[in-house]
Amino acid sequence: MLYGVWTPFASKKPKNSAAAVCSRMRRNLNEPLPFSTMVWLDNIIGEIKERFQKEIQAGIPLTIRDEKTLSGRVHVGSLRGIVIHGLIAQGLQEQGIPHRFLFELNDFDPCDELPPFLDRNTFGKYMGQPLFTVPTHEQGAENLPMVFGEELKKVVSNLGLPIEYYTLKPLYEAGKFNDVIRRALDHAKDIRVIYKDVSGSNKPDDWYPLQVICERCGKVGTTQVTGWDGTLVQYTCKENLVTWAKGCGYLGTISPFDGRAKLPWKVEWPAKWNVMGVHIEGAGKDHSAAGGSRDIGKRIAEEIFQYPNPFDIPYEFLNVGGKKMSASKGIGATAKGIADLMPPYLLKLLMIRKQPNQPFDFDPEGTTLPLLFDEYDRLSEYVAHPKEGQEDFVRIFHLAQIGFPEKGNPLWQMRFTILSFVVQMPHLKLEEEAEKLKGAPLTEEELYALNERAAYVRKWLSEHAPEQYHYRILEILPVLELSTEQSAALVLLRERLEKLPSWKGEDIHATIHAVKAELGIEPKALFAPLYQLFIGRDNGPQMGWFVSTFERAEVLKRIDSATIPS
């Protein structure tokens, strides 16, 4: 029975640098791991090396790109794309292949939805304007989108990924998009044909792939370009072009360059590949569906911008509590909210534990978090005690680490589920129990890791944990209805425990099982009344360790209360 686990790394270290509590939730460390191996990453790196062989031989850095529109607090699902792209950067770094991972904080899209915590009377007037024009509701931020951008950057920085951030507005204003805007306008008819061929979308003959910032009202989401003479565009700010903003009706003529206009998403995406020199960029399921924006983007990139479709990694959604998330509508958990529940190495493991094309669910209110800690601890066992055939699991563990370390001295840690019990018991001292379980004093690093994990456990217990993880020791002893068999077993157990030379969990555990075997009693018939005497339940922590946390006299007294007639 394992009460703790050897783990080579903590998420942080000091200056120099659980047996599962609920028995029905316990996972055997010898069980097969319930997630896919990391072969998918190695396969992707192999495919990238094959496709970009010439660039690699020439020493040209491969550009990896991803982005997020900052329309609200960034949900945790966006981290999946960031980590997938970051892992590719990590894999290229391992092989010495020059690369860069660019992440766009999109501040130029129109404001088409307000986060639910903003006052509509104050911020409603900004609907339809570029996001960068929406003022911040918090001190210290440049504007509203960068409130969300800075929050995301803080979360991602803890993951240790090699990532470079940029915002979109300065690129438009610096003229970086002028050439692709001109080509898109010159080939508006061809783009309309691509839309029709790929998705069945019919665009009118006077539709042009551009959105101008209205000179009168400053909105970009309500304008429609209706003409292009090679130098200037004609546009109308339409009152009812969209349902989420009202245009002012202005008709104008303007140069579309240097930040005065932007491309619509399905054209802008392939334009960014061209402008940024992108080699590798995956996308979520919603963009990767047949006839979706990726298919349209591929055609536009190749036929309009004469740029190859980047290496694609389609990936599935991450759901929270069974719901796909929306940042602007406040559906689901934010990246920061989930990140605050676990150390960075565990958040990284959460994102890489399945292949990109497999969806998965994270439920803070359920058992996802304790089981995720258990999976991490079991991976660390493979590192501390490597065996043939477990190389993939060792690789998973190393890839989840922060800063990509390859080796580390074993670090003992108490299992999450036993910690969740210890921190609720006023009669227990955390460090003392940890040293008892380890069988030796904790090192400085182990003590740091213990307190760090305990902090995450306490937060989860106070905010999300299901009732089965909450424990209270009964002060008033219950009256139990025992069978003759149960009474006899408890009497014999009391006799053996009273004479037991030591008061260690493993010795108590062996004694209980010896009584069970000697009398031939079913395990539940013996364990259930013992749990009832302490916590009023039929199940709970591993019994030997649990009993050892109480004074011997207290244990004998509680057994007497059930077996000696009052």
Protein backbone atom coordinates (compact mmCIF):
# COMPACT_ATOMS: atom_id res chain seq x y z
CA MET A 1 0.00 0.00 0.00
CA LEU A 2 1.48 3.33 -1.07
CA TYR A 3 0.80 6.38 1.06
CA GLY A 4 3.18 8.62 -0.81
CA VAL A 5 5.07 8.59 -4.04
CA TRP A 6 8.54 9.43 -5.27
CA THR A 7 8.39 12.29 -7.75
CA PRO A 8 11.51 13.69 -9.38
CA PHE A 9 10.33 17.29 -9.62
CA ALA A 10 8.23 19.88 -7.84
CA SER A 11 6.77 22.79 -9.80
CA LYS A 12 8.97 25.17 -7.83
CA LYS A 13 11.84 24.71 -5.47
CA PRO A 14 13.17 26.66 -2.49
CA LYS A 15 16.12 29.01 -2.72
CA ASN A 16 18.58 26.31 -3.90
CA SER A 17 17.07 25.45 -6.48
CA ALA A 18 -1.60 9.53 -0.96
CA ALA A 19 -2.63 6.20 -0.49
CA ALA A 20 -5.94 7.31 -1.95
CA VAL A 21 -8.12 8.51 0.87
CA CYS A 22 -11.45 7.21 -0.31
CA SER A 23 -11.03 3.49 -0.80
CA ARG A 24 -13.55 3.31 -3.62
CA MET A 25 -11.67 6.07 -5.44
CA ARG A 26 -8.26 4.49 -5.02
CA ARG A 27 -6.31 3.58 -8.15
CA ASN A 28 -3.73 0.82 -8.15
CA LEU A 29 -0.36 2.18 -9.27
CA ASN A 30 0.08 -0.95 -11.39
CA GLU A 31 -3.05 -0.24 -13.47
CA PRO A 32 -2.52 0.75 -17.11
CA LEU A 33 -2.39 4.50 -17.45
CA PRO A 34 -5.77 5.78 -18.72
CA PHE A 35 -4.40 8.16 -21.36
CA SER A 36 -2.59 7.99 -24.66
CA THR A 37 1.17 7.94 -24.98
CA MET A 38 3.10 10.84 -26.39
CA VAL A 39 3.93 9.02 -29.63
CA TRP A 40 1.69 11.55 -31.38
CA LEU A 41 4.19 14.33 -30.66
CA ASP A 42 7.12 12.33 -31.99
CA ASN A 43 5.11 11.39 -35.08
CA ILE A 44 4.26 15.05 -35.69
CA ILE A 45 7.88 16.11 -35.30
CA GLY A 46 8.85 13.41 -37.80
CA GLU A 47 6.29 14.66 -40.32
CA ILE A 48 7.43 18.25 -39.84
CA LYS A 49 11.06 17.26 -40.43
CA GLU A 50 10.06 15.47 -43.63
CA ARG A 51 7.94 18.32 -45.00
CA PHE A 52 10.39 21.10 -44.14
CA GLN A 53 13.59 19.22 -44.88
CA LYS A 54 14.91 21.94 -47.18
CA GLU A 55 14.22 24.73 -44.70
CA ILE A 56 15.86 22.79 -41.88
CA GLN A 57 18.93 22.01 -43.97
CA ALA A 58 19.19 25.69 -44.89
CA GLY A 59 18.94 26.73 -41.24
CA ILE A 60 15.68 28.65 -41.79
CA PRO A 61 13.77 28.87 -38.48
CA LEU A 62 10.37 27.19 -38.64
CA THR A 63 7.56 29.51 -37.53
CA ILE A 64 4.80 28.05 -35.35
CA ARG A 65 1.77 30.26 -34.78
CA ASP A 66 -1.41 30.34 -32.76
CA GLU A 67 -3.78 33.10 -31.66
CA LYS A 68 -6.63 34.13 -29.43
CA THR A 69 -9.15 36.93 -29.95
CA LEU A 70 -9.32 38.86 -26.67
CA SER A 71 -13.10 39.25 -26.51
CA GLY A 72 -13.28 38.10 -22.88
CA ARG A 73 -11.42 36.24 -20.18
CA VAL A 74 -9.60 33.44 -21.94
CA HIS A 75 -11.14 30.06 -21.21
CA VAL A 76 -9.07 27.03 -20.32
CA GLY A 77 -9.85 25.36 -23.65
CA SER A 78 -7.59 27.86 -25.42
CA LEU A 79 -4.67 26.48 -23.45
CA ARG A 80 -4.93 23.21 -25.34
CA GLY A 81 -3.89 24.86 -28.57
CA ILE A 82 -1.15 26.81 -26.84
CA VAL A 83 0.30 23.68 -25.22
CA ILE A 84 0.06 21.61 -28.41
CA HIS A 85 1.95 24.25 -30.36
CA GLY A 86 4.32 24.76 -27.43
CA LEU A 87 5.08 21.04 -27.31
CA ILE A 88 5.93 21.11 -31.01
CA ALA A 89 8.33 23.96 -30.26
CA GLN A 90 9.71 21.87 -27.41
CA GLY A 91 10.15 18.86 -29.69
CA LEU A 92 11.97 20.94 -32.29
CA GLN A 93 14.15 22.43 -29.56
CA GLU A 94 15.09 18.93 -28.37
CA GLN A 95 16.39 18.13 -31.85
CA GLY A 96 18.22 21.42 -32.32
CA ILE A 97 15.93 22.62 -35.13
CA PRO A 98 15.69 26.45 -35.29
CA HIS A 99 12.16 27.68 -34.71
CA ARG A 100 9.97 30.31 -33.09
CA PHE A 101 6.50 30.05 -31.59
CA LEU A 102 4.45 33.21 -32.20
CA PHE A 103 1.21 33.78 -30.36
CA GLU A 104 -1.13 36.53 -31.47
CA LEU A 105 -3.17 38.49 -28.95
CA ASN A 106 -5.86 39.62 -31.38
CA ASP A 107 -6.95 43.13 -30.44
CA PHE A 108 -8.28 44.20 -33.86
CA ASP A 109 -11.42 42.10 -34.29
CA PRO A 110 -14.72 43.91 -33.78
CA CYS A 111 -16.26 43.90 -30.31
CA ASP A 112 -19.22 41.62 -30.98
CA GLU A 113 -20.06 40.52 -27.43
CA LEU A 114 -19.46 42.07 -24.03
CA PRO A 115 -18.26 39.94 -21.12
CA PRO A 116 -21.15 39.43 -18.67
CA PHE A 117 -19.46 41.38 -15.87
CA LEU A 118 -19.33 44.64 -17.86
CA ASP A 119 -22.10 47.23 -17.57
CA ARG A 120 -24.06 47.44 -20.85
CA ASN A 121 -24.95 51.08 -20.32
CA THR A 122 -21.28 52.01 -20.06
CA PHE A 123 -19.68 49.68 -22.59
CA GLY A 124 -22.53 49.06 -25.05
CA LYS A 125 -21.49 52.02 -27.21
CA TYR A 126 -18.27 50.20 -28.13
CA MET A 127 -20.09 47.30 -29.79
CA GLY A 128 -18.83 46.97 -33.36
CA GLN A 129 -15.65 48.96 -32.77
CA PRO A 130 -12.21 47.34 -32.90
CA LEU A 131 -11.40 45.67 -29.59
CA PHE A 132 -8.38 47.89 -28.99
CA THR A 133 -10.71 50.93 -28.74
CA VAL A 134 -12.67 49.48 -25.80
CA PRO A 135 -11.34 51.05 -22.58
CA THR A 136 -10.22 48.97 -19.66
CA HIS A 137 -12.33 48.43 -16.56
CA GLU A 138 -9.18 47.80 -14.53
CA GLN A 139 -6.35 50.14 -13.71
CA GLY A 140 -2.99 49.47 -15.30
CA ALA A 141 -4.14 47.85 -18.55
CA GLU A 142 -3.84 49.49 -21.96
CA ASN A 143 -7.40 48.60 -22.96
CA LEU A 144 -10.05 45.95 -22.35
CA PRO A 145 -8.59 43.19 -24.54
CA MET A 146 -5.17 43.51 -22.94
CA VAL A 147 -6.71 42.91 -19.51
CA PHE A 148 -7.50 39.45 -20.80
CA GLY A 149 -4.23 39.22 -22.70
CA GLU A 150 -2.08 39.96 -19.66
CA GLU A 151 -4.03 37.42 -17.61
CA LEU A 152 -3.40 34.75 -20.26
CA LYS A 153 0.30 35.62 -20.44
CA LYS A 154 0.67 35.14 -16.69
CA VAL A 155 -0.98 31.72 -16.83
CA VAL A 156 1.09 30.58 -19.81
CA SER A 157 4.35 31.93 -18.37
CA ASN A 158 4.10 29.36 -15.58
CA LEU A 159 4.09 26.55 -18.16
CA GLY A 160 7.61 27.41 -19.31
CA LEU A 161 6.81 27.23 -23.03
CA PRO A 162 9.05 29.00 -25.59
CA ILE A 163 6.47 31.55 -26.75
CA GLU A 164 6.63 35.06 -28.24
CA TYR A 165 3.57 37.34 -28.08
CA TYR A 166 2.47 40.03 -30.49
CA THR A 167 -0.67 42.11 -30.99
CA LEU A 168 -2.39 42.56 -34.34
CA LYS A 169 -3.13 46.29 -34.45
CA PRO A 170 0.51 47.45 -34.79
CA LEU A 171 1.07 45.13 -37.76
CA TYR A 172 -1.87 46.61 -39.66
CA GLU A 173 -0.80 50.15 -38.79
CA ALA A 174 2.79 49.46 -39.89
CA GLY A 175 1.55 48.37 -43.32
CA LYS A 176 2.46 44.70 -42.89
CA PHE A 177 -0.95 43.71 -44.29
CA ASN A 178 -1.04 46.23 -47.15
CA ASP A 179 0.09 43.76 -49.80
CA VAL A 180 -2.36 41.00 -48.78
CA ILE A 181 -5.19 43.54 -48.56
CA ARG A 182 -4.43 44.69 -52.10
CA ARG A 183 -4.34 41.12 -53.40
CA ALA A 184 -7.57 40.25 -51.61
CA LEU A 185 -9.34 43.26 -53.13
CA ASP A 186 -7.91 42.59 -56.58
CA HIS A 187 -9.14 38.99 -56.37
CA ALA A 188 -12.45 39.60 -54.63
CA LYS A 189 -14.31 37.70 -57.35
CA ASP A 190 -12.02 34.70 -56.94
CA ILE A 191 -12.49 34.73 -53.18
CA ARG A 192 -16.27 34.81 -53.65
CA VAL A 193 -15.92 31.69 -55.82
CA ILE A 194 -13.82 29.96 -53.14
CA TYR A 195 -16.45 30.71 -50.49
CA LYS A 196 -19.10 29.23 -52.78
CA ASP A 197 -17.09 26.14 -53.72
CA VAL A 198 -15.93 25.26 -50.22
CA SER A 199 -18.80 26.20 -47.94
CA GLY A 200 -21.73 26.99 -50.23
CA SER A 201 -21.74 30.61 -49.07
CA ASN A 202 -23.05 33.02 -51.69
CA LYS A 203 -21.53 36.49 -51.59
CA PRO A 204 -23.11 39.28 -53.68
CA ASP A 205 -21.20 40.65 -56.65
CA ASP A 206 -20.45 43.88 -54.80
CA TRP A 207 -18.98 42.07 -51.74
CA TYR A 208 -15.32 42.69 -51.03
CA PRO A 209 -13.20 40.87 -48.41
CA LEU A 210 -12.50 43.91 -46.25
CA GLN A 211 -13.92 45.76 -43.25
CA VAL A 212 -13.16 49.48 -43.02
CA ILE A 213 -13.09 51.39 -39.75
CA CYS A 214 -15.91 53.88 -40.25
CA GLU A 215 -14.60 57.46 -40.36
CA ARG A 216 -17.70 58.76 -38.60
CA CYS A 217 -18.56 56.24 -35.83
CA GLY A 218 -15.32 54.23 -35.56
CA LYS A 219 -17.02 50.87 -36.03
CA VAL A 220 -15.48 48.10 -38.08
CA GLY A 221 -18.06 45.36 -37.62
CA THR A 222 -20.83 47.30 -39.41
CA THR A 223 -19.04 48.39 -42.59
CA GLN A 224 -19.26 46.82 -46.02
CA VAL A 225 -16.88 47.62 -48.85
CA THR A 226 -18.74 47.93 -52.15
CA GLY A 227 -16.07 49.18 -54.53
CA TRP A 228 -12.31 49.22 -55.20
CA ASP A 229 -10.51 51.26 -57.84
CA GLY A 230 -7.00 50.05 -57.09
CA THR A 231 -6.27 52.88 -54.70
CA LEU A 232 -9.38 53.63 -52.64
CA VAL A 233 -12.38 51.63 -51.46
CA GLN A 234 -15.97 52.73 -51.24
CA TYR A 235 -17.86 51.56 -48.18
CA THR A 236 -21.12 51.91 -46.29
CA CYS A 237 -21.57 51.73 -42.53
CA LYS A 238 -24.81 49.76 -42.55
CA GLU A 239 -27.27 50.15 -39.72
CA ASN A 240 -28.45 46.51 -39.74
CA LEU A 241 -25.51 44.62 -41.20
CA VAL A 242 -25.12 42.62 -37.97
CA THR A 243 -27.42 41.97 -35.03
CA TRP A 244 -24.95 42.95 -32.31
CA ALA A 245 -24.12 46.50 -33.43
CA LYS A 246 -25.78 49.40 -35.26
CA GLY A 247 -24.05 51.20 -38.09
CA CYS A 248 -24.34 54.95 -38.59
CA GLY A 249 -25.26 54.92 -42.31
CA TYR A 250 -22.15 56.78 -43.44
CA LEU A 251 -20.97 56.37 -47.04
CA GLY A 252 -17.28 56.96 -47.57
CA THR A 253 -14.22 56.53 -49.72
CA ILE A 254 -10.86 55.80 -48.10
CA SER A 255 -7.48 54.16 -48.52
CA PRO A 256 -7.71 50.62 -47.04
CA PHE A 257 -4.09 50.54 -45.93
CA ASP A 258 -2.02 51.24 -42.80
CA GLY A 259 -4.61 50.21 -40.22
CA ARG A 260 -7.70 51.87 -41.69
CA ALA A 261 -9.29 48.50 -42.44
CA LYS A 262 -8.95 44.83 -41.69
CA LEU A 263 -9.62 41.59 -43.52
CA PRO A 264 -12.54 39.38 -42.42
CA TRP A 265 -11.52 36.30 -40.43
CA LYS A 266 -11.67 33.66 -43.18
CA VAL A 267 -9.44 35.77 -45.40
CA GLU A 268 -7.34 37.28 -42.64
CA TRP A 269 -6.29 33.87 -41.32
CA PRO A 270 -4.47 32.76 -44.51
CA ALA A 271 -3.20 36.33 -44.91
CA LYS A 272 -1.51 36.01 -41.51
CA TRP A 273 0.23 32.83 -42.66
CA ASN A 274 1.71 34.85 -45.51
CA VAL A 275 2.57 37.94 -43.48
CA MET A 276 4.10 36.03 -40.56
CA GLY A 277 5.79 33.34 -42.67
CA VAL A 278 3.97 30.53 -40.87
CA HIS A 279 5.09 26.94 -41.36
CA ILE A 280 3.06 25.20 -38.64
CA GLU A 281 -0.38 26.08 -37.27
CA GLY A 282 -3.12 23.80 -36.02
CA ALA A 283 -6.71 24.70 -35.20
CA GLY A 284 -9.65 23.57 -33.14
CA LYS A 285 -12.40 21.26 -34.32
CA ASP A 286 -14.77 24.12 -35.16
CA HIS A 287 -12.33 25.53 -37.72
CA SER A 288 -11.18 22.15 -39.03
CA ALA A 289 -14.59 20.73 -40.02
CA ALA A 290 -15.19 19.98 -43.69
CA GLY A 291 -16.12 23.20 -45.51
CA GLY A 292 -14.97 25.26 -42.54
CA SER A 293 -12.59 28.17 -42.21
CA ARG A 294 -9.47 25.98 -42.54
CA ASP A 295 -10.59 24.59 -45.87
CA ILE A 296 -11.43 28.09 -47.10
CA GLY A 297 -8.14 29.41 -45.75
CA LYS A 298 -6.16 26.71 -47.53
CA ARG A 299 -7.67 27.66 -50.90
CA ILE A 300 -7.20 31.39 -50.35
CA ALA A 301 -3.61 30.92 -49.16
CA GLU A 302 -2.62 28.83 -52.16
CA GLU A 303 -4.67 30.51 -54.90
CA ILE A 304 -4.74 34.18 -53.84
CA PHE A 305 -1.62 34.67 -51.74
CA GLN A 306 0.46 31.93 -53.40
CA TYR A 307 1.43 30.63 -49.98
CA PRO A 308 1.38 26.97 -48.92
CA ASN A 309 -1.12 25.80 -46.34
CA PRO A 310 0.84 25.44 -43.07
CA PHE A 311 1.35 22.07 -41.45
CA ASP A 312 -1.96 21.42 -39.68
CA ILE A 313 -2.72 19.80 -36.32
CA PRO A 314 -6.52 19.65 -35.89
CA TYR A 315 -7.43 19.32 -32.22
CA GLU A 316 -10.58 18.60 -30.28
CA PHE A 317 -12.35 20.65 -27.63
CA LEU A 318 -11.65 20.69 -23.94
CA ASN A 319 -14.92 20.79 -22.03
CA VAL A 320 -15.47 21.87 -18.46
CA GLY A 321 -18.29 20.07 -16.73
CA GLY A 322 -19.47 18.77 -20.11
CA LYS A 323 -19.79 22.22 -21.74
CA LYS A 324 -17.72 23.73 -24.53
CA MET A 325 -16.49 27.12 -23.41
CA SER A 326 -17.05 30.63 -24.72
CA ALA A 327 -14.89 33.47 -23.46
CA SER A 328 -17.22 36.30 -24.42
CA LYS A 329 -20.34 34.61 -23.02
CA GLY A 330 -18.67 33.49 -19.81
CA ILE A 331 -19.45 29.81 -20.38
CA GLY A 332 -17.04 27.42 -18.74
CA ALA A 333 -13.93 27.97 -16.66
CA THR A 334 -11.30 30.57 -17.34
CA ALA A 335 -7.70 29.60 -17.94
CA LYS A 336 -6.71 31.43 -14.76
CA GLY A 337 -9.50 29.80 -12.73
CA ILE A 338 -8.37 26.29 -13.67
CA ALA A 339 -4.68 27.16 -13.45
CA ASP A 340 -5.18 28.34 -9.88
CA LEU A 341 -6.39 24.84 -8.94
CA MET A 342 -3.17 23.00 -9.75
CA PRO A 343 0.60 23.40 -10.10
CA PRO A 344 1.83 24.29 -13.60
CA TYR A 345 3.26 20.83 -14.31
CA LEU A 346 -0.16 19.32 -13.70
CA LEU A 347 -1.91 21.86 -15.91
CA LYS A 348 0.54 20.99 -18.65
CA LEU A 349 -0.10 17.28 -18.14
CA LEU A 350 -3.85 17.91 -18.35
CA MET A 351 -3.39 19.46 -21.77
CA ILE A 352 -1.10 16.77 -23.22
CA ARG A 353 -2.53 13.61 -21.67
CA LYS A 354 -4.57 12.76 -24.77
CA GLN A 355 -3.87 12.96 -28.46
CA PRO A 356 -4.95 16.24 -30.09
CA ASN A 357 -7.87 14.67 -31.94
CA GLN A 358 -9.40 13.29 -28.73
CA PRO A 359 -11.80 15.47 -26.71
CA PHE A 360 -11.72 15.41 -22.93
CA ASP A 361 -13.58 16.87 -20.02
CA PHE A 362 -12.36 18.61 -16.89
CA ASP A 363 -14.83 18.89 -14.03
CA PRO A 364 -13.57 20.91 -11.04
CA GLU A 365 -16.63 19.79 -9.08
CA GLY A 366 -15.90 16.10 -9.65
CA THR A 367 -12.94 13.80 -9.17
CA THR A 368 -10.90 14.97 -12.17
CA LEU A 369 -8.35 16.84 -10.08
CA PRO A 370 -7.49 14.13 -7.52
CA LEU A 371 -7.29 11.53 -10.27
CA LEU A 372 -5.04 13.81 -12.31
CA PHE A 373 -2.70 14.17 -9.34
CA ASP A 374 -2.77 10.37 -8.99
CA GLU A 375 -1.86 9.94 -12.66
CA TYR A 376 1.06 12.33 -12.29
CA ASP A 377 2.28 10.44 -9.24
CA ARG A 378 2.04 7.14 -11.06
CA LEU A 379 4.05 8.60 -13.94
CA SER A 380 6.69 9.69 -11.45
CA GLU A 381 6.91 6.11 -10.23
CA TYR A 382 7.91 5.08 -13.74
CA VAL A 383 10.68 7.68 -13.64
CA ALA A 384 11.91 6.76 -10.17
CA HIS A 385 11.76 3.02 -10.89
CA PRO A 386 12.08 2.64 -14.68
CA LYS A 387 11.24 -0.65 -16.33
CA GLU A 388 11.45 -1.87 -19.89
CA GLY A 389 8.43 -0.94 -21.98
CA GLN A 390 7.59 2.18 -19.95
CA GLU A 391 9.64 4.65 -21.97
CA ASP A 392 6.57 6.47 -23.30
CA PHE A 393 5.31 7.11 -19.78
CA VAL A 394 8.70 8.44 -18.72
CA ARG A 395 8.61 10.75 -21.74
CA ILE A 396 5.13 12.00 -20.81
CA PHE A 397 6.41 12.88 -17.37
CA HIS A 398 9.45 14.75 -18.67
CA LEU A 399 7.40 16.67 -21.23
CA ALA A 400 5.04 17.83 -18.48
CA GLN A 401 7.87 19.36 -16.49
CA ILE A 402 8.52 23.08 -16.52
CA GLY A 403 11.67 24.03 -18.37
CA PHE A 404 11.90 20.54 -19.95
CA PRO A 405 14.27 18.85 -17.46
CA GLU A 406 15.37 15.33 -18.39
CA LYS A 407 16.56 14.12 -15.02
CA GLY A 408 15.96 14.75 -11.36
CA ASN A 409 16.51 13.27 -7.95
CA PRO A 410 13.50 11.38 -6.59
CA LEU A 411 11.26 13.62 -4.53
CA TRP A 412 8.83 12.05 -2.10
CA GLN A 413 5.31 13.47 -2.16
CA MET A 414 2.16 12.59 -0.26
CA ARG A 415 -0.71 11.44 -2.44
CA PHE A 416 -3.39 14.07 -3.10
CA THR A 417 -6.22 12.01 -1.73
CA ILE A 418 -4.52 11.27 1.58
CA LEU A 419 -3.58 14.94 1.84
CA SER A 420 -7.24 15.84 1.39
CA PHE A 421 -7.96 13.84 4.53
CA VAL A 422 -5.00 14.98 6.63
CA VAL A 423 -5.64 18.70 6.13
CA GLN A 424 -9.19 18.26 7.43
CA MET A 425 -8.14 16.52 10.64
CA PRO A 426 -7.45 18.96 13.50
CA HIS A 427 -5.64 16.24 15.48
CA LEU A 428 -3.05 15.70 12.72
CA LYS A 429 0.04 17.73 11.88
CA LEU A 430 0.84 17.61 8.19
CA GLU A 431 4.61 17.43 8.36
CA GLU A 432 4.58 14.80 11.11
CA GLU A 433 2.18 12.58 9.15
CA ALA A 434 4.26 13.00 6.01
CA GLU A 435 7.42 11.91 7.81
CA LYS A 436 5.61 8.92 9.28
CA LEU A 437 4.42 7.88 5.83
CA LYS A 438 7.81 8.43 4.23
CA GLY A 439 9.60 6.74 7.12
CA ALA A 440 12.25 9.47 7.24
CA PRO A 441 12.55 13.24 7.68
CA LEU A 442 11.52 15.37 4.71
CA THR A 443 14.14 17.22 2.72
CA GLU A 444 13.77 20.95 2.20
CA GLU A 445 12.43 20.35 -1.32
CA GLU A 446 9.99 17.69 -0.13
CA LEU A 447 8.64 19.97 2.58
CA TYR A 448 8.16 22.75 0.04
CA ALA A 449 6.36 20.38 -2.33
CA LEU A 450 4.20 19.08 0.52
CA ASN A 451 3.04 22.56 1.52
CA GLU A 452 2.50 23.55 -2.09
CA ARG A 453 0.32 20.53 -2.78
CA ALA A 454 -1.53 21.01 0.51
CA ALA A 455 -2.43 24.56 -0.56
CA TYR A 456 -3.99 23.25 -3.79
CA VAL A 457 -5.84 20.57 -1.82
CA ARG A 458 -7.29 23.11 0.60
CA LYS A 459 -8.45 25.38 -2.22
CA TRP A 460 -10.13 22.49 -4.02
CA LEU A 461 -11.80 21.30 -0.82
CA SER A 462 -13.14 24.75 -0.02
CA GLU A 463 -14.41 25.55 -3.51
CA HIS A 464 -15.06 22.42 -5.59
CA ALA A 465 -14.67 19.06 -3.86
CA PRO A 466 -17.67 16.68 -3.86
CA GLU A 467 -19.07 15.64 -0.52
CA GLN A 468 -17.32 12.28 -0.55
CA TYR A 469 -14.03 14.10 0.00
CA HIS A 470 -15.19 15.99 3.09
CA TYR A 471 -14.44 14.27 6.39
CA ARG A 472 -15.37 15.08 9.98
CA ILE A 473 -14.50 13.01 13.03
CA LEU A 474 -17.59 12.23 15.09
CA GLU A 475 -17.56 13.68 18.59
CA ILE A 476 -20.69 11.82 19.69
CA LEU A 477 -20.20 8.11 19.14
CA PRO A 478 -22.95 6.46 17.11
CA VAL A 479 -25.07 3.52 18.22
CA LEU A 480 -24.36 0.66 15.80
CA GLU A 481 -26.52 -2.34 15.05
CA LEU A 482 -23.98 -5.14 14.74
CA SER A 483 -24.45 -8.77 13.82
CA THR A 484 -23.03 -11.45 16.11
CA GLU A 485 -20.27 -11.97 13.56
CA GLN A 486 -19.36 -8.27 13.52
CA SER A 487 -19.34 -7.98 17.31
CA ALA A 488 -17.03 -10.98 17.62
CA ALA A 489 -14.68 -9.55 15.00
CA LEU A 490 -14.48 -6.17 16.72
CA VAL A 491 -13.85 -7.78 20.11
CA LEU A 492 -11.00 -9.86 18.70
CA LEU A 493 -9.62 -6.86 16.83
CA ARG A 494 -9.64 -4.77 20.01
CA GLU A 495 -7.72 -7.48 21.84
CA ARG A 496 -5.10 -7.68 19.11
CA LEU A 497 -4.75 -3.91 18.80
CA GLU A 498 -4.32 -3.49 22.55
CA LYS A 499 -1.39 -5.93 22.52
CA LEU A 500 0.15 -4.72 19.26
CA PRO A 501 3.85 -3.88 19.94
CA SER A 502 3.91 -0.94 17.54
CA TRP A 503 1.31 1.60 16.47
CA LYS A 504 2.25 1.87 12.83
CA GLY A 505 -0.18 1.93 9.94
CA GLU A 506 1.25 -1.12 8.18
CA ASP A 507 1.14 -3.19 11.40
CA ILE A 508 -2.43 -2.15 12.17
CA HIS A 509 -3.38 -2.87 8.56
CA ALA A 510 -1.91 -6.37 8.81
CA THR A 511 -3.69 -6.98 12.13
CA ILE A 512 -7.09 -6.02 10.75
CA HIS A 513 -6.66 -8.30 7.76
CA ALA A 514 -5.46 -11.14 9.99
CA VAL A 515 -8.65 -10.89 12.06
CA LYS A 516 -10.74 -10.80 8.88
CA ALA A 517 -9.05 -13.93 7.54
CA GLU A 518 -9.15 -15.78 10.88
CA LEU A 519 -12.90 -15.31 11.33
CA GLY A 520 -13.78 -15.50 7.64
CA ILE A 521 -15.75 -12.27 7.80
CA GLU A 522 -16.45 -10.23 4.69
CA PRO A 523 -14.22 -7.13 4.43
CA LYS A 524 -17.14 -4.71 4.37
CA ALA A 525 -18.70 -6.32 7.45
CA LEU A 526 -15.55 -5.46 9.43
CA PHE A 527 -14.49 -2.18 7.84
CA ALA A 528 -17.90 -0.50 7.69
CA PRO A 529 -18.52 -0.41 11.48
CA LEU A 530 -14.96 0.85 12.06
CA TYR A 531 -15.50 3.72 9.63
CA GLN A 532 -18.89 4.41 11.21
CA LEU A 533 -17.29 4.77 14.65
CA PHE A 534 -15.00 7.54 13.43
CA ILE A 535 -16.56 9.34 10.46
CA GLY A 536 -20.13 8.03 10.25
CA ARG A 537 -19.65 6.39 6.86
CA ASP A 538 -19.27 2.90 5.48
CA ASN A 539 -16.01 3.72 3.68
CA GLY A 540 -13.08 6.09 3.95
CA PRO A 541 -9.29 6.21 4.14
CA GLN A 542 -7.07 3.16 4.05
CA MET A 543 -7.93 1.64 7.39
CA GLY A 544 -4.51 0.78 8.82
CA TRP A 545 -3.11 4.26 8.27
CA PHE A 546 -6.37 5.89 9.35
CA VAL A 547 -6.46 4.06 12.71
CA SER A 548 -2.78 4.86 13.29
CA THR A 549 -3.53 8.59 13.27
CA PHE A 550 -5.46 8.26 16.55
CA GLU A 551 -4.13 7.47 20.00
CA ARG A 552 -4.43 3.79 20.81
CA ALA A 553 -6.67 4.54 23.81
CA GLU A 554 -9.09 6.52 21.61
CA VAL A 555 -9.38 3.64 19.15
CA LEU A 556 -10.03 1.10 21.92
CA LYS A 557 -12.61 3.38 23.50
CA ARG A 558 -14.55 3.70 20.24
CA ILE A 559 -14.53 -0.06 19.67
CA ASP A 560 -15.71 -0.59 23.27
CA SER A 561 -18.62 1.78 22.67
CA ALA A 562 -19.89 -0.55 19.97
CA THR A 563 -19.24 -3.91 21.68
CA ILE A 564 -19.79 -3.34 25.42
CA PRO A 565 -23.47 -3.01 26.39
CA SER A 566 -24.28 0.32 28.00
